[in-house]
């Protein structure tokens, strides 16, 4: 027999065999006359689906056959044979899905809502799975959960809720759904319920809510026993959340201040008497109006009508008290008069009037305010009278010295001392209202009597009764009739000066002069300072008040003198030394006139009584003589006029003729007249450029040069290169003996002259800030004979525009606030040695707002000891670097550098050398970038000279100072050692030996300070000094000190013609002047310029009218001679300088 092996067939195969077997059985043996047709098998779920098919071909879908028990014997797996329907229970979730979900496919209320994958059945739609009273179908439409009894729309309840649902509390408010259903409240609204019907525990969420919005959570109110639905039933201290806006608008206590405002104010919203009155923002309640918060006997409502404070027990209308005041109010003292309110009620006095009380009934301490008041109006406060023991209700019972406030009008009208002057008048007069002898007679309005009439209150020697008869003031020692003196005057009167003339009354009595007449006195008896009134008088009627009049009793004029060349106007202020004042002097009490009454002067004389100036222009014949002008000065205001006379002596010199040397260049090959040559162009007559008709020009021609009659210079053709000279003489045509000679120098060269080339420039500038453009120099690319020229080689001229200015040093300035754009300005350079050799160029400036900053890294060099190495003393690569022309700060830039084997640039800018470095020269580069703009960078190189064992490095650095030459002496803060170093450190005087040889002007003192000799003229002076190391006297260095000595000097020539030379009146030494005033007059004495604190910068005289002048302001003055008066103050004192100036155009 063969071996047979049995193997277990796979479960799927077994199931297939079973399926076929079942089909065969049912097909052949069905008792129902129908066949079972397999529809599908699911090997994953072990479900066999078979659809019954009736013999008539109709599908009876409701037929269902279960062979579970039958199949169980074949397989432990569950096998269901059902009809063709996929959703067994009609809940909208297929059986397959429910099998996966683990829900019951035959329970229409056991499913996962999110897994509904087919249309629910009508029966399911009519059911109410969660019992919330809304059918599943309706909840399906509403989008609510048919399995959640608390997820529904209340208005859509369309069937009876379940008992289980009724017992629930969906909104957690402590009232079951069923109870809320009966109450008609919303079971989904935690704040819609009847408190008394709470029949279960509220939820934690409900306890945290605040249904009434009063700021106390429902749970806290539940504990407190307050109503969580009543916004005004809560405990304030238990507020544990933010109140609602609606609650804030309410007014729980009815005090007229909303809850929210009281919450902000910190007052109690439940206390009707705890609020801020100014914050009432709604109508108070009727209950509040009937209450009396402050207990003053006036209800709140009445106080509201009266405009008084219902919280202030002392702010009320007495007549409106409509209820009984509180006991507390009765004990208070509202008016502070020391009598309580209750006592004043009994006395019938006003508890609000601090001066309406019974003094004997004061039963408490008066207030400080009452003590400061003055009930009786006598000017002494109540508190002071309490201390003095006087009656605060009696206006004439007080201590005068204790008056500490303003008396009342009633007191002012009384006359406490009976001297006939009311208290008010005595108070105004500063007299004692309790002293009958201390008053002013003009203030008497009441009858006087008694001893007053025989007394002499003012001590002037006249009794009060006699002064009353005379009509004089018995209180004024200087108001009396001299003939009525019948008693001895007081010592005070004798020492006084009634008329203010500086002589005592007693001395005037002895001298026989009138002590009441200020112009009747003996000048030798003056022992006192005259009074201001006397100084304002004009005893001699010359118009000059006594205070400024040198001789106040006699009008006086004094002689004057001056000097001037012939034909040159002289201006003298002839009133300056007279008693009389010019009419433009505000102190002049009269009207001054000036006239000539004699003298031998033949020239032109003018007088200006307005300024006091006399001008005189001598004729030629008066040269080298002294002439006189006798003038009369009068004050014409009195009748007759008050006059005096004096003589002016004028020394007339010769006219000043000045021939000035000339120099020209010429081409020797061609010769001829030198272009633009004129030997007279710089010659002057009395400071004025002369005209050919003013002089006689003579010259002897040389072999090479000839001066032509018109002043031009001619060169012989074919003249060899070289320098040639020729003299010429000019004599005044009106005085041929007045001559001067000058020399003309001509540089002759063959061929073309020097080639000057001005090249156009372009710059960029920041229009917002303006100012000098950094590193701008229009001359930097200009040449003379192909060489870069120096400023001293040329004359630079340019006419400023509204935007651009070319400065004298060649830099370019831009006006601040210039709009963006491109601007140009022309300039001309002329060869200094040949002013006819010129060229012009254009400067173009691109102006933009907010232009980037200009960063500039500058190369550095240092020396170091290679043996020791380390940081080089005082090394800082940033010290000479700039940002927008200003020395930069380390915080302004980012410093980067790559160290070499020898050198390192440290983060602080110092430079380090490696110890043991061999002698030699080493370099390292570094870059600085602007911190605010890291793309704005510049690079520089540091050079270090390294030597081994080098000695101490001593460095004497040149110094420069400016000094005032007038007084000389030590220049303040001068110290030649202040910038000198030893090994990079500022040296101390003890470290060195200082030597120097004094000059005639300068001396370097042993302490390093510099002295200037007194009286040194303006100029630049130098002196050398040497410092040697004290420890090594062979280690020395020398430096030069430059001192610019400046004196206060007025340049007497100005030529305001725009050539940048003498365009304004230059005054040297203005920086040494503390304050100054300058006045300039024309030849007729008219003021043409007036200024203060002249500074050579903005406050300057540029030939135009300025100040309080009779001429039109800003008009340019004609060429001519002018007179100035310059008053200035320096550290040495006050000075006056007056001279002539010449304006030439």
Foldseek 3Di string as FASTA:
>chain_A
DDDDDDDDDDPVVVVVVVVVVVQVCCVVPPPVQWGWAWDDADPVQQETETFIAHPVRDGDQPDFDFCQVVCCVVDVHGYGYTGPDQQQCQLQAGPVRCVVVVFDSNDSLTDDVVRRDGHGDPVQQQPQSCQLQAGPVVCVVVVFDSNHSLTDDPVRRHGGGDPVQQQPQSCQLQAGNVRCVVVVFDSNHSLTDDPVRRHGHGDPVQQQPQNCQLQAGNVRCVVVVFDSNHSLTDDVVRRDGHGDPVQQQPQNCQLQAGNVRCVVVVFDSNHSLTDDPVRRDGHGDPVQQQPQSCQLQAGNVRCVVVVFDSNDSLTDDVVRRNGHGDPVQQQPQSCQLQAGNVVCVVVVFDSNHSLTDDPVRRNGHGDPVQQQPQNCQLQAGNVVCVVVVFDSNHNLTDDVVRRDGGGDPVQQQPQNCQLQAGNVQCVVVVFDSNDSLTHKVVRRDGDHDDPQQQPQSCQLQAGNVVCVVVVFISNHSLTDDPVRRDGHGDPVQQQPQSCQLQAGPVVCVVVVFDSNDNLTDDVVRRDGHGDPVQQLPQQQPLQAGNVPAPDSPAFEFEEAEEEEAAQAKDKDLRCPPGRHAAQLDPSGRFHKDKDWDDKDADFDWFAHSNHSIIMTHGHQVLAQHKIKTKMKMWRPRDVNIRIYIYMYIYGYHHWDWFQEEAEAEDAQAAWFWGPPAASQQPIDTNPFRDDLVQKAKDWDADPAWDQDSRRIITGDHNDAFDKDKTKMKIAGPVGRVRMDMYMYIYGYHHDDDKAWFQEEAEEEDAQAAWFWQPPAASQQPIDINPHRDALVQKQKAWDADPAWDQDSRRIITGDHNDAFDKDKTKMKIAGPNHRVNMDMYMYIYGYDHPDDKAWFQEEAEEEDAQAAWFWQAPAASQQPIDINPHRDDLVQKAKDWDADPAWDQDSRRIITGDHNDAFDKDKTKMKIAGPVGRVNMDMYMYIYGYHHPDDKAKFQEEAEEEEEQAAWFWDPPAASQQPIDISNHRDDLVQKAKDWDADPAWDQDSRRIITGDHPDAFDKDKTKMKIAGPVGRVNIDMYMYIYGYWYFDWDQEAELPRSPPRQFTDTIPLVQFPKKWKWKAASNRWTFDIDMSDDVPPTTGRQFGDDDTPDDGRDHDDWGKMKMWMWTAGPVGIDIDIDIHTYYD
